[in-house]
Protein backbone atom coordinates (compact mmCIF):
# COMPACT_ATOMS: atom_id res chain seq x y z
CA MET A 1 12.08 30.03 5.43
CA SER A 2 12.97 26.37 4.26
CA GLU A 3 10.28 25.40 1.39
CA LEU A 4 10.57 22.09 2.66
CA PHE A 5 9.08 22.89 5.81
CA LYS A 6 6.12 24.94 5.15
CA PRO A 7 2.61 23.69 5.62
CA TRP A 8 1.32 21.86 2.67
CA GLN A 9 -2.42 20.98 1.79
CA LEU A 10 -2.72 17.53 0.38
CA GLY A 11 -5.98 18.02 -0.89
CA SER A 12 -8.07 18.87 2.41
CA LEU A 13 -5.09 17.26 4.59
CA ALA A 14 -3.40 19.99 6.34
CA LEU A 15 0.45 19.00 6.82
CA PRO A 16 3.19 20.52 8.81
CA ASN A 17 5.86 19.95 5.88
CA ARG A 18 6.59 18.39 2.56
CA ILE A 19 8.23 15.27 3.74
CA MET A 20 6.09 11.84 3.05
CA ILE A 21 7.22 8.64 4.30
CA ALA A 22 6.91 6.61 1.17
CA PRO A 23 5.26 3.21 1.20
CA MET A 24 7.87 0.36 1.87
CA CYS A 25 6.82 -3.49 1.65
CA GLU A 26 7.73 -5.23 5.19
CA TYR A 27 6.59 -8.96 4.00
CA SER A 28 5.83 -9.31 7.73
CA ALA A 29 2.16 -10.01 7.82
CA GLN A 30 0.19 -13.37 8.89
CA ASP A 31 -2.57 -13.77 6.46
CA GLY A 32 -2.78 -10.13 5.56
CA SER A 33 -2.74 -8.99 9.22
CA ALA A 34 -0.23 -6.46 10.54
CA SER A 35 2.33 -8.26 13.09
CA ASP A 36 4.36 -6.83 16.09
CA TRP A 37 6.84 -6.03 13.44
CA HIS A 38 4.26 -3.32 12.10
CA MET A 39 4.05 -2.00 15.42
CA ILE A 40 7.91 -1.40 15.98
CA HIS A 41 8.27 -0.38 12.21
CA LEU A 42 5.59 2.04 11.59
CA GLY A 43 5.72 3.23 15.38
CA HIS A 44 9.37 4.25 14.94
CA LEU A 45 8.57 6.13 11.56
CA ALA A 46 5.77 7.90 13.31
CA LEU A 47 8.27 9.63 15.42
CA SER A 48 10.38 10.79 12.90
CA GLY A 49 8.63 14.47 12.15
CA SER A 50 7.66 13.44 8.98
CA GLY A 51 4.45 15.25 7.83
CA ILE A 52 2.60 11.87 6.75
CA MET A 53 3.70 8.25 6.66
CA VAL A 54 1.78 5.89 3.94
CA THR A 55 1.58 2.39 4.75
CA GLU A 56 3.21 -0.50 2.35
CA ALA A 57 1.31 -1.87 -0.18
CA THR A 58 -1.79 -3.15 1.36
CA ALA A 59 -3.68 -5.61 -0.62
CA VAL A 60 -7.13 -5.54 -1.21
CA SER A 61 -7.86 -9.13 -1.74
CA PRO A 62 -5.36 -12.47 -0.94
CA GLU A 63 -4.74 -13.06 -4.46
CA GLY A 64 -3.70 -9.19 -4.60
CA ARG A 65 -0.91 -9.80 -2.21
CA ILE A 66 2.54 -9.68 -3.93
CA SER A 67 3.47 -12.66 -1.40
CA PRO A 68 1.91 -14.54 1.38
CA LYS A 69 3.42 -12.14 4.04
CA ASP A 70 2.17 -9.04 2.43
CA LEU A 71 -0.22 -6.74 4.45
CA GLY A 72 -3.86 -6.62 3.73
CA LEU A 73 -7.18 -5.25 4.61
CA TYR A 74 -9.61 -7.61 3.16
CA SER A 75 -10.82 -9.54 6.43
CA ASP A 76 -11.96 -8.43 10.02
CA ASP A 77 -8.50 -9.93 11.31
CA ASN A 78 -6.67 -7.37 9.01
CA GLU A 79 -9.04 -4.35 10.28
CA ALA A 80 -8.30 -5.35 14.00
CA ALA A 81 -4.40 -5.83 13.64
CA LEU A 82 -4.07 -2.46 11.67
CA ALA A 83 -6.38 -0.75 14.10
CA ARG A 84 -4.05 -1.74 16.96
CA VAL A 85 -0.86 -0.35 15.44
CA LEU A 86 -2.84 2.77 14.67
CA LYS A 87 -4.09 3.67 18.02
CA ALA A 88 -0.45 3.52 19.20
CA ILE A 89 0.65 5.82 16.66
CA ARG A 90 -2.09 8.06 17.32
CA PHE A 91 -1.51 8.30 21.06
CA TYR A 92 1.89 9.24 20.68
CA SER A 93 2.58 10.98 17.33
CA PRO A 94 0.76 13.82 15.40
CA ILE A 95 1.71 12.45 12.11
CA LYS A 96 -1.20 12.01 9.71
CA VAL A 97 -1.08 8.07 8.29
CA GLY A 98 -2.35 7.01 4.71
CA VAL A 99 -3.06 3.86 3.31
CA GLN A 100 -1.90 2.37 0.13
CA LEU A 101 -4.15 0.10 -1.30
CA ALA A 102 -2.83 -2.32 -4.11
CA HIS A 103 -3.46 -5.23 -6.21
CA ALA A 104 -0.05 -7.17 -7.54
CA GLY A 105 -1.94 -8.35 -10.29
CA ARG A 106 0.72 -10.86 -12.57
CA LYS A 107 3.22 -9.93 -10.04
CA ALA A 108 1.55 -11.90 -7.15
CA SER A 109 2.33 -15.06 -5.21
CA THR A 110 6.23 -14.69 -5.05
CA LYS A 111 8.48 -15.33 -2.27
CA VAL A 112 9.86 -12.90 0.08
CA PRO A 113 12.92 -10.92 -1.38
CA TRP A 114 15.31 -12.35 1.28
CA GLU A 115 14.27 -15.76 -0.24
CA GLY A 116 14.83 -14.97 -3.71
CA GLY A 117 11.44 -13.06 -4.61
CA ALA A 118 10.60 -16.14 -7.41
CA GLN A 119 7.12 -16.57 -8.26
CA ILE A 120 5.30 -19.43 -6.52
CA ALA A 121 3.17 -21.78 -8.49
CA PRO A 122 -0.31 -21.97 -7.97
CA ASN A 123 -0.19 -25.59 -6.88
CA ALA A 124 2.50 -24.88 -4.22
CA PRO A 125 2.35 -24.38 -0.96
CA GLU A 126 1.40 -20.80 -0.12
CA GLY A 127 1.01 -20.33 -3.91
CA TRP A 128 -2.16 -18.96 -6.00
CA GLN A 129 -3.11 -18.38 -9.52
CA THR A 130 -2.48 -14.54 -10.29
CA GLU A 131 -4.58 -12.56 -12.41
CA ALA A 132 -4.24 -9.67 -14.74
CA PRO A 133 -5.52 -7.55 -17.86
CA SER A 134 -4.04 -10.42 -20.09
CA ALA A 135 -2.58 -13.69 -19.96
CA LEU A 136 1.08 -12.33 -20.00
CA PRO A 137 3.42 -13.61 -17.28
CA PHE A 138 5.75 -10.75 -15.87
CA ALA A 139 9.01 -12.72 -16.73
CA ASP A 140 9.89 -15.81 -19.23
CA GLY A 141 8.99 -19.17 -17.62
CA GLU A 142 6.50 -17.98 -15.05
CA ASN A 143 3.05 -19.32 -14.70
CA PRO A 144 0.90 -16.80 -16.90
CA PRO A 145 -1.94 -15.08 -15.15
CA THR A 146 -5.51 -15.40 -15.78
CA ALA A 147 -6.96 -12.53 -17.67
CA LEU A 148 -9.82 -10.81 -16.02
CA ASP A 149 -13.09 -11.19 -17.68
CA ALA A 150 -15.94 -8.68 -17.11
CA LYS A 151 -17.33 -10.48 -13.64
CA GLY A 152 -13.53 -10.20 -12.62
CA LEU A 153 -13.22 -6.81 -13.16
CA GLU A 154 -16.43 -5.95 -11.18
CA ARG A 155 -14.83 -8.20 -8.19
CA VAL A 156 -11.68 -6.38 -8.20
CA LYS A 157 -13.44 -3.05 -7.95
CA GLY A 158 -15.41 -4.53 -5.44
CA ASP A 159 -12.69 -5.44 -3.63
CA PHE A 160 -10.90 -2.12 -3.70
CA VAL A 161 -14.12 -0.31 -2.36
CA LYS A 162 -14.71 -2.82 0.57
CA ALA A 163 -11.08 -1.85 1.49
CA ALA A 164 -11.60 1.99 1.41
CA LYS A 165 -14.31 1.41 3.59
CA ARG A 166 -12.37 -0.62 6.12
CA ALA A 167 -9.78 2.38 5.61
CA ALA A 168 -12.35 4.79 6.53
CA LYS A 169 -13.65 3.08 9.49
CA LEU A 170 -10.15 2.91 10.50
CA GLY A 171 -9.58 6.74 10.27
CA PHE A 172 -7.12 6.67 7.89
CA ASP A 173 -6.15 10.47 6.79
CA GLY A 174 -5.94 9.35 3.31
CA ILE A 175 -5.69 6.62 0.45
CA GLU A 176 -3.05 6.23 -2.10
CA LEU A 177 -4.02 3.94 -5.09
CA HIS A 178 -1.36 1.92 -5.90
CA ALA A 179 -1.07 2.39 -10.15
CA ALA A 180 2.46 1.92 -10.30
CA HIS A 181 5.83 -0.64 -10.25
CA GLY A 182 3.99 -3.44 -12.38
CA TYR A 183 1.22 -4.23 -10.44
CA LEU A 184 -2.28 -4.52 -11.61
CA LEU A 185 -3.74 -1.03 -12.16
CA HIS A 186 -0.26 -0.03 -13.96
CA GLU A 187 -0.68 -3.58 -15.99
CA PHE A 188 -3.80 -2.11 -17.45
CA LEU A 189 -2.26 1.15 -18.39
CA SER A 190 0.97 -0.04 -20.13
CA PRO A 191 0.73 -1.51 -23.88
CA ILE A 192 3.22 -4.22 -22.68
CA SER A 193 0.77 -5.93 -20.27
CA ASN A 194 -2.47 -4.90 -21.45
CA VAL A 195 -3.30 -6.54 -25.19
CA ARG A 196 -6.99 -6.83 -24.44
CA THR A 197 -9.48 -6.20 -27.61
CA ASP A 198 -12.46 -5.09 -25.38
CA ASN A 199 -13.08 -1.45 -23.98
CA TYR A 200 -10.51 -2.03 -21.52
CA GLY A 201 -7.51 -2.43 -23.88
CA GLY A 202 -6.20 -1.16 -27.16
CA SER A 203 -6.13 2.72 -27.08
CA LEU A 204 -4.80 5.28 -24.23
CA GLU A 205 -8.34 6.04 -23.01
CA ASN A 206 -9.14 2.29 -23.15
CA ARG A 207 -6.15 1.46 -20.95
CA MET A 208 -7.12 4.09 -18.57
CA ARG A 209 -10.41 2.94 -18.42
CA PHE A 210 -10.19 0.25 -15.31
CA PRO A 211 -7.66 2.18 -13.22
CA LEU A 212 -9.87 5.46 -13.71
CA GLU A 213 -13.03 3.36 -12.64
CA VAL A 214 -11.17 2.01 -9.63
CA TYR A 215 -10.40 5.63 -8.71
CA ASP A 216 -13.86 6.78 -8.94
CA ALA A 217 -15.17 3.63 -6.86
CA VAL A 218 -12.69 4.28 -4.05
CA ARG A 219 -13.47 8.20 -4.25
CA ALA A 220 -17.07 7.59 -3.65
CA ALA A 221 -16.60 4.80 -0.72
CA PHE A 222 -14.12 7.07 1.17
CA PRO A 223 -14.92 10.25 3.08
CA ALA A 224 -15.34 13.42 0.99
CA ASP A 225 -13.26 15.39 3.32
CA LYS A 226 -10.21 13.11 3.20
CA PRO A 227 -8.02 12.96 0.02
CA VAL A 228 -7.43 10.04 -2.39
CA TRP A 229 -4.65 10.06 -4.62
CA VAL A 230 -2.64 7.95 -6.89
CA ARG A 231 1.22 6.50 -7.13
CA VAL A 232 2.23 6.23 -10.77
CA SER A 233 5.24 4.84 -12.55
CA ALA A 234 5.74 7.51 -15.00
CA SER A 235 7.95 5.66 -17.76
CA ASP A 236 8.23 1.57 -18.11
CA TRP A 237 12.01 2.44 -19.04
CA VAL A 238 11.69 0.44 -22.43
CA ASP A 239 10.66 1.22 -25.51
CA GLY A 240 7.31 0.61 -26.51
CA GLY A 241 5.88 0.69 -22.88
CA TRP A 242 4.02 3.00 -20.77
CA ASP A 243 5.54 6.72 -20.99
CA VAL A 244 5.58 10.21 -19.56
CA GLU A 245 3.23 11.28 -22.08
CA GLY A 246 0.51 8.64 -20.73
CA THR A 247 1.08 9.64 -17.39
CA VAL A 248 0.25 13.09 -17.84
CA ALA A 249 -2.84 12.20 -19.88
CA PHE A 250 -3.90 9.94 -17.07
CA ALA A 251 -2.94 12.74 -14.33
CA LYS A 252 -5.60 14.82 -16.45
CA GLU A 253 -8.24 12.46 -15.88
CA LEU A 254 -7.61 12.15 -12.37
CA LYS A 255 -7.72 15.69 -11.81
CA LYS A 256 -10.71 16.09 -13.52
CA ARG A 257 -11.99 13.58 -10.76
CA GLY A 258 -10.71 15.60 -8.16
CA CYS A 259 -7.19 13.74 -7.16
CA PRO A 260 -5.18 16.19 -5.34
CA VAL A 261 -1.65 14.91 -5.97
CA ILE A 262 0.25 12.24 -8.03
CA HIS A 263 3.12 10.51 -6.51
CA VAL A 264 5.51 9.98 -9.11
CA SER A 265 7.78 6.98 -9.42
CA SER A 266 8.67 4.93 -12.20
CA GLY A 267 9.62 1.38 -13.59
CA GLY A 268 8.56 -2.15 -12.21
CA LEU A 269 6.56 -3.65 -15.21
CA THR A 270 9.12 -5.80 -16.87
CA PRO A 271 12.62 -7.27 -16.50
CA ARG A 272 13.55 -5.55 -19.64
CA GLN A 273 13.49 -2.32 -18.32
CA GLN A 274 16.55 -0.10 -18.68
CA ILE A 275 16.60 2.22 -15.93
CA LYS A 276 19.34 5.05 -15.65
CA ILE A 277 19.38 5.32 -11.76
CA GLY A 278 21.31 8.17 -10.25
CA PRO A 279 20.37 10.85 -7.41
CA GLY A 280 16.70 12.42 -7.90
CA TYR A 281 16.52 10.23 -11.41
CA GLN A 282 12.62 10.32 -11.06
CA VAL A 283 12.41 14.21 -10.45
CA GLU A 284 11.90 15.14 -14.15
CA PHE A 285 9.26 13.07 -14.49
CA SER A 286 7.50 14.82 -11.60
CA GLU A 287 8.11 18.26 -12.82
CA ARG A 288 6.90 17.02 -16.43
CA VAL A 289 3.48 15.75 -14.87
CA LYS A 290 3.07 19.04 -12.42
CA ARG A 291 3.48 21.35 -15.32
CA ASP A 292 1.82 19.67 -18.23
CA ALA A 293 -0.82 18.00 -16.43
CA GLY A 294 -1.47 21.24 -14.02
CA ILE A 295 -1.66 19.04 -10.78
CA GLU A 296 0.51 18.91 -7.70
CA THR A 297 3.07 16.13 -7.45
CA ILE A 298 5.19 14.16 -4.99
CA ALA A 299 8.88 13.37 -6.10
CA VAL A 300 10.46 9.82 -4.94
CA GLY A 301 13.76 7.96 -5.85
CA LEU A 302 16.88 8.68 -4.52
CA ILE A 303 16.16 11.53 -2.91
CA THR A 304 18.84 11.46 0.25
CA GLU A 305 20.08 14.77 0.90
CA PRO A 306 18.30 17.76 2.55
CA GLN A 307 19.54 20.16 0.27
CA GLN A 308 18.22 17.96 -2.56
CA ALA A 309 15.07 17.79 -1.25
CA GLU A 310 14.65 21.56 -0.64
CA GLU A 311 15.91 22.36 -4.08
CA ILE A 312 13.10 20.05 -5.82
CA VAL A 313 10.64 21.62 -3.79
CA ALA A 314 12.02 25.30 -3.98
CA SER A 315 12.38 25.36 -7.67
CA GLY A 316 8.96 23.95 -8.10
CA LYS A 317 9.69 20.31 -9.38
CA ALA A 318 7.29 18.88 -6.93
CA ASP A 319 5.28 19.95 -4.32
CA ALA A 320 6.42 17.26 -1.82
CA VAL A 321 8.99 14.76 -1.44
CA ALA A 322 8.80 10.98 -0.39
CA LEU A 323 11.55 9.27 1.05
CA ALA A 324 11.98 5.47 1.70
CA ARG A 325 15.35 3.81 2.09
CA ALA A 326 16.65 7.09 3.27
CA MET A 327 14.28 7.11 6.17
CA LEU A 328 15.05 3.26 6.96
CA TYR A 329 18.94 4.36 7.02
CA ASP A 330 17.93 7.53 9.10
CA PRO A 331 14.72 7.24 10.85
CA ARG A 332 15.59 11.09 12.13
CA TRP A 333 16.02 12.49 8.90
CA PRO A 334 13.53 15.35 9.21
CA TRP A 335 15.19 16.36 12.25
CA HIS A 336 18.53 16.40 10.66
CA ALA A 337 17.10 18.30 7.59
CA ALA A 338 15.47 20.92 9.87
CA ALA A 339 18.50 21.18 11.70
CA LYS A 340 20.60 21.74 8.57
CA LEU A 341 17.76 24.17 7.09
CA ASN A 342 17.25 26.21 10.01
CA ALA A 343 13.63 24.90 10.50
CA HIS A 344 11.43 23.30 12.82
CA VAL A 345 10.04 20.09 13.23
CA SER A 346 7.82 17.93 15.72
CA ALA A 347 9.13 15.51 18.31
CA PRO A 348 7.53 13.68 21.22
CA ASN A 349 8.30 14.95 24.71
CA GLN A 350 9.77 11.90 25.76
CA TYR A 351 12.56 12.92 23.18
CA LEU A 352 13.24 16.64 23.80
CA ARG A 353 16.28 16.25 25.92
CA SER A 354 18.09 14.90 22.78
CA GLN A 355 18.00 18.57 21.12
CA PRO A 356 21.51 19.77 20.47
CA SER A 357 22.60 23.01 21.70
CA SER A 358 23.51 24.14 18.40
CA TYR A 359 20.02 23.99 17.31
CA PRO A 360 17.81 25.27 20.34
CA ASN A 361 14.73 26.12 18.58
CA LEU A 362 14.61 22.78 16.37
CA PHE A 363 11.86 21.02 18.26
CA LYS A 364 8.40 21.80 18.56
CA VAL A 365 6.25 19.59 21.06
CA ALA A 366 4.05 16.66 19.70
CA THR A 367 0.53 17.12 20.54
């Protein structure tokens, strides 16, 4: 039997297979509210046969958005717009849906990627003042962020809690906290972006303090029978930055708090990063965290082929895989993987006629 298509328990959440649709920013929201694009995009991927889909980085405050077009969960309008999308998904698909709660920190207030992605100045239309652990800009020449003071830290933590409560009200199946890719929680972890001299900077223990406080607060605000997990960057890919040893220590602390799994990515904190990109280039980080922290992991990053994903899970390098660009290129990737691995996958009644005669037992009917 295929290991990739064996059922998996993501904490208390029962999943039919070990394929996750990773968060992918769409830069198509209006004042943080999901648009018709999200209905089409997420609805389309919900029919893929994956076990779980996680929304794009969903900002917990307006200033926590990467761009003015980012998805958010900080207002009643945001909540209502997401409710519309989730209602359609639940009616037509059995897929589980998680929300990735995020704050962009010093990487906020930027143009969308297809407009260049440059920082928007605070006094420019659609721009705002960014905030971070320390007043250090992401790139040379950018407007520096405001260093969060004690009051600011409590406000940000409170924003995560309010967003978690909205996620609970909407019935999301789980929450992924975004502590990767150079955004706020990752900025606290890395000594490159955190040069504070208070209890939230300096030692590894201090740099982990705020992300762990946010995890504790979100965990307490979300239903106890639903999982809260964390996405991390296991390496900054630059000397003197956040590394896999720190990630293991962070994962151990999260495990103590009941975190069921770590979603292991890398990079994003500094333009100076030197990433050695290749097929499955981040899998070794997942394997290391799983082994040394004794916690389940999700591997992500240039995982594109069914046999590749199968080997990652079967060899114990990760407990599940997350796909992003590969899923955009082939939104039926799980169908094709199941066919190649002699497994089964869920499909809606409306699509059953597409079952190939060469794989007569490929589909399970969605309920």
